[in-house]
Amino acid sequence: MKKLISIIVLSVLLTGCYKDDLIEPIRPEATDNLKITNAVGIKLQSPFVTSEVSMNVKSDVAQTVTIKIFDIANRVVSKSTSDVKVGDNILKVYTTALPSSAYRIGLFDAKGNQLGITDFNKI
């Protein structure tokens, strides 16, 4: 019985430490603070983030994009793919797993071409 309880506790602890996906599509319309004038790009709702922030990913074609978050040493600390439609795509970025620091978030197409990049500070 003690072994069973130990296994359950260990599995709960290990599952609790697993990082969830940091990017989640939410798909509402872009508000004024998320509008992008160019045909392609990326824009965060705010450059100062606590646990989450909305992000507009604008594309001129429907495609799968990769969103990478880089730390101050330019190392990838998070990477996620998302299917986007033509025009505005509102996504939610969760940053609770990131330590407080400065970050750069980049948008890349399937060939690895950078479509947009912006900075934010996790506070």
C-alpha atoms as a PDB file:
ATOM      1  CA  MET A   1       0.000   0.000   0.000  1.00  0.00           C
ATOM      2  CA  LYS A   2       2.831   2.406   0.877  1.00  0.00           C
ATOM      3  CA  LYS A   3       4.466   1.700  -2.499  1.00  0.00           C
ATOM      4  CA  LEU A   4       1.218   2.515  -4.303  1.00  0.00           C
ATOM      5  CA  ILE A   5       0.845   5.802  -2.422  1.00  0.00           C
ATOM      6  CA  SER A   6       4.511   6.642  -3.105  1.00  0.00           C
ATOM      7  CA  ILE A   7       4.041   5.988  -6.829  1.00  0.00           C
ATOM      8  CA  ILE A   8       0.903   8.151  -6.941  1.00  0.00           C
ATOM      9  CA  VAL A   9       2.607  11.005  -5.055  1.00  0.00           C
ATOM     10  CA  LEU A  10       5.681  10.793  -7.296  1.00  0.00           C
ATOM     11  CA  SER A  11       3.591  10.827 -10.475  1.00  0.00           C
ATOM     12  CA  VAL A  12       1.594  13.847  -9.226  1.00  0.00           C
ATOM     13  CA  LEU A  13       4.807  15.703  -8.398  1.00  0.00           C
ATOM     14  CA  LEU A  14       6.378  14.912 -11.773  1.00  0.00           C
ATOM     15  CA  THR A  15       3.220  15.881 -13.655  1.00  0.00           C
ATOM     16  CA  GLY A  16       2.964  19.119 -11.677  1.00  0.00           C
ATOM     17  CA  CYS A  17       6.490  20.135 -12.746  1.00  0.00           C
ATOM     18  CA  TYR A  18       5.826  19.572 -16.460  1.00  0.00           C
ATOM     19  CA  LYS A  19       5.741  22.797 -18.504  1.00  0.00           C
ATOM     20  CA  ASP A  20       2.466  23.236 -20.343  1.00  0.00           C
ATOM     21  CA  ASP A  21       2.364  24.753 -23.819  1.00  0.00           C
ATOM     22  CA  LEU A  22       3.058  28.451 -23.519  1.00  0.00           C
ATOM     23  CA  ILE A  23       1.021  29.542 -26.554  1.00  0.00           C
ATOM     24  CA  GLU A  24      -2.741  29.108 -26.823  1.00  0.00           C
ATOM     25  CA  PRO A  25      -4.973  30.319 -29.656  1.00  0.00           C
ATOM     26  CA  ILE A  26      -7.955  32.402 -28.488  1.00  0.00           C
ATOM     27  CA  ARG A  27      -9.067  33.848 -31.878  1.00  0.00           C
ATOM     28  CA  PRO A  28     -11.099  36.999 -31.034  1.00  0.00           C
ATOM     29  CA  GLU A  29     -10.820  40.146 -33.127  1.00  0.00           C
ATOM     30  CA  ALA A  30      -7.734  42.333 -32.739  1.00  0.00           C
ATOM     31  CA  THR A  31      -8.345  45.310 -30.476  1.00  0.00           C
ATOM     32  CA  ASP A  32      -6.734  48.694 -31.169  1.00  0.00           C
ATOM     33  CA  ASN A  33      -3.684  47.909 -29.001  1.00  0.00           C
ATOM     34  CA  LEU A  34      -3.071  44.698 -31.013  1.00  0.00           C
ATOM     35  CA  LYS A  35      -3.566  46.097 -34.531  1.00  0.00           C
ATOM     36  CA  ILE A  36      -0.712  45.499 -36.994  1.00  0.00           C
ATOM     37  CA  THR A  37      -0.549  47.764 -40.047  1.00  0.00           C
ATOM     38  CA  ASN A  38       1.864  45.555 -42.044  1.00  0.00           C
ATOM     39  CA  ALA A  39       0.721  42.425 -43.918  1.00  0.00           C
ATOM     40  CA  VAL A  40       2.847  40.171 -41.679  1.00  0.00           C
ATOM     41  CA  GLY A  41       4.079  40.609 -38.119  1.00  0.00           C
ATOM     42  CA  ILE A  42       3.771  40.022 -34.411  1.00  0.00           C
ATOM     43  CA  LYS A  43       2.619  42.378 -31.658  1.00  0.00           C
ATOM     44  CA  LEU A  44       2.166  41.900 -27.917  1.00  0.00           C
ATOM     45  CA  GLN A  45      -0.611  43.616 -25.990  1.00  0.00           C
ATOM     46  CA  SER A  46       1.978  44.938 -23.523  1.00  0.00           C
ATOM     47  CA  PRO A  47       5.775  44.860 -23.260  1.00  0.00           C
ATOM     48  CA  PHE A  48       5.437  44.145 -19.517  1.00  0.00           C
ATOM     49  CA  VAL A  49       4.128  40.684 -18.675  1.00  0.00           C
ATOM     50  CA  THR A  50       3.347  38.910 -15.409  1.00  0.00           C
ATOM     51  CA  SER A  51       1.681  35.547 -16.102  1.00  0.00           C
ATOM     52  CA  GLU A  52       0.107  35.904 -19.551  1.00  0.00           C
ATOM     53  CA  VAL A  53      -0.271  38.328 -22.449  1.00  0.00           C
ATOM     54  CA  SER A  54      -2.318  38.467 -25.638  1.00  0.00           C
ATOM     55  CA  MET A  55      -0.416  38.512 -28.902  1.00  0.00           C
ATOM     56  CA  ASN A  56      -1.479  39.255 -32.487  1.00  0.00           C
ATOM     57  CA  VAL A  57       0.195  37.152 -35.181  1.00  0.00           C
ATOM     58  CA  LYS A  58      -0.620  38.558 -38.602  1.00  0.00           C
ATOM     59  CA  SER A  59      -0.030  36.506 -41.728  1.00  0.00           C
ATOM     60  CA  ASP A  60      -0.557  37.077 -45.449  1.00  0.00           C
ATOM     61  CA  VAL A  61      -1.150  33.331 -46.053  1.00  0.00           C
ATOM     62  CA  ALA A  62      -2.711  30.496 -44.043  1.00  0.00           C
ATOM     63  CA  GLN A  63       0.215  28.502 -42.697  1.00  0.00           C
ATOM     64  CA  THR A  64       1.823  26.806 -39.730  1.00  0.00           C
ATOM     65  CA  VAL A  65       4.149  29.173 -37.890  1.00  0.00           C
ATOM     66  CA  THR A  66       6.685  28.615 -35.137  1.00  0.00           C
ATOM     67  CA  ILE A  67       6.780  30.992 -32.202  1.00  0.00           C
ATOM     68  CA  LYS A  68      10.043  31.052 -30.269  1.00  0.00           C
ATOM     69  CA  ILE A  69      10.836  32.846 -27.039  1.00  0.00           C
ATOM     70  CA  PHE A  70      14.503  33.754 -26.590  1.00  0.00           C
ATOM     71  CA  ASP A  71      16.179  34.679 -23.311  1.00  0.00           C
ATOM     72  CA  ILE A  72      18.660  37.526 -22.886  1.00  0.00           C
ATOM     73  CA  ALA A  73      21.518  35.229 -24.042  1.00  0.00           C
ATOM     74  CA  ASN A  74      19.546  34.554 -27.268  1.00  0.00           C
ATOM     75  CA  ARG A  75      18.824  30.918 -26.285  1.00  0.00           C
ATOM     76  CA  VAL A  76      15.414  29.457 -27.174  1.00  0.00           C
ATOM     77  CA  VAL A  77      13.534  28.914 -23.897  1.00  0.00           C
ATOM     78  CA  SER A  78      10.172  28.077 -25.462  1.00  0.00           C
ATOM     79  CA  LYS A  79       9.068  26.935 -28.884  1.00  0.00           C
ATOM     80  CA  SER A  80       5.544  26.321 -30.132  1.00  0.00           C
ATOM     81  CA  THR A  81       3.804  25.879 -33.478  1.00  0.00           C
ATOM     82  CA  SER A  82       0.404  27.229 -34.371  1.00  0.00           C
ATOM     83  CA  ASP A  83      -1.799  27.203 -37.456  1.00  0.00           C
ATOM     84  CA  VAL A  84      -2.695  30.735 -38.500  1.00  0.00           C
ATOM     85  CA  LYS A  85      -5.204  32.047 -40.992  1.00  0.00           C
ATOM     86  CA  VAL A  86      -4.800  35.025 -43.307  1.00  0.00           C
ATOM     87  CA  GLY A  87      -4.992  38.249 -41.308  1.00  0.00           C
ATOM     88  CA  ASP A  88      -5.061  38.711 -37.548  1.00  0.00           C
ATOM     89  CA  ASN A  89      -4.660  35.722 -35.220  1.00  0.00           C
ATOM     90  CA  ILE A  90      -4.954  36.467 -31.502  1.00  0.00           C
ATOM     91  CA  LEU A  91      -2.995  34.055 -29.322  1.00  0.00           C
ATOM     92  CA  LYS A  92      -2.419  33.921 -25.575  1.00  0.00           C
ATOM     93  CA  VAL A  93       1.175  33.597 -24.319  1.00  0.00           C
ATOM     94  CA  TYR A  94       1.601  32.118 -20.845  1.00  0.00           C
ATOM     95  CA  THR A  95       4.788  33.173 -19.058  1.00  0.00           C
ATOM     96  CA  THR A  96       4.380  31.811 -15.535  1.00  0.00           C
ATOM     97  CA  ALA A  97       7.107  29.198 -16.167  1.00  0.00           C
ATOM     98  CA  LEU A  98       9.633  31.890 -17.167  1.00  0.00           C
ATOM     99  CA  PRO A  99      11.808  33.637 -14.582  1.00  0.00           C
ATOM    100  CA  SER A 100      11.692  37.429 -14.411  1.00  0.00           C
ATOM    101  CA  SER A 101      13.943  38.789 -17.156  1.00  0.00           C
ATOM    102  CA  ALA A 102      13.953  40.359 -20.617  1.00  0.00           C
ATOM    103  CA  TYR A 103      12.846  38.171 -23.536  1.00  0.00           C
ATOM    104  CA  ARG A 104      12.426  38.329 -27.292  1.00  0.00           C
ATOM    105  CA  ILE A 105       9.565  36.547 -29.042  1.00  0.00           C
ATOM    106  CA  GLY A 106       9.904  35.701 -32.724  1.00  0.00           C
ATOM    107  CA  LEU A 107       7.585  34.457 -35.445  1.00  0.00           C
ATOM    108  CA  PHE A 108       8.950  32.072 -38.101  1.00  0.00           C
ATOM    109  CA  ASP A 109       7.449  30.342 -41.150  1.00  0.00           C
ATOM    110  CA  ALA A 110       7.861  26.636 -41.972  1.00  0.00           C
ATOM    111  CA  LYS A 111      11.170  27.336 -43.783  1.00  0.00           C
ATOM    112  CA  GLY A 112      12.616  29.125 -40.749  1.00  0.00           C
ATOM    113  CA  ASN A 113      12.260  32.644 -42.201  1.00  0.00           C
ATOM    114  CA  GLN A 114      11.661  35.271 -39.545  1.00  0.00           C
ATOM    115  CA  LEU A 115       8.304  37.002 -40.057  1.00  0.00           C
ATOM    116  CA  GLY A 116       8.430  39.260 -37.013  1.00  0.00           C
ATOM    117  CA  ILE A 117      10.081  39.793 -33.660  1.00  0.00           C
ATOM    118  CA  THR A 118       9.365  41.844 -30.542  1.00  0.00           C
ATOM    119  CA  ASP A 119      10.653  42.187 -26.980  1.00  0.00           C
ATOM    120  CA  PHE A 120       8.965  41.865 -23.606  1.00  0.00           C
ATOM    121  CA  ASN A 121       9.888  41.943 -19.938  1.00  0.00           C
ATOM    122  CA  LYS A 122       8.613  39.286 -17.533  1.00  0.00           C
ATOM    123  CA  ILE A 123       8.060  40.985 -14.192  1.00  0.00           C
END
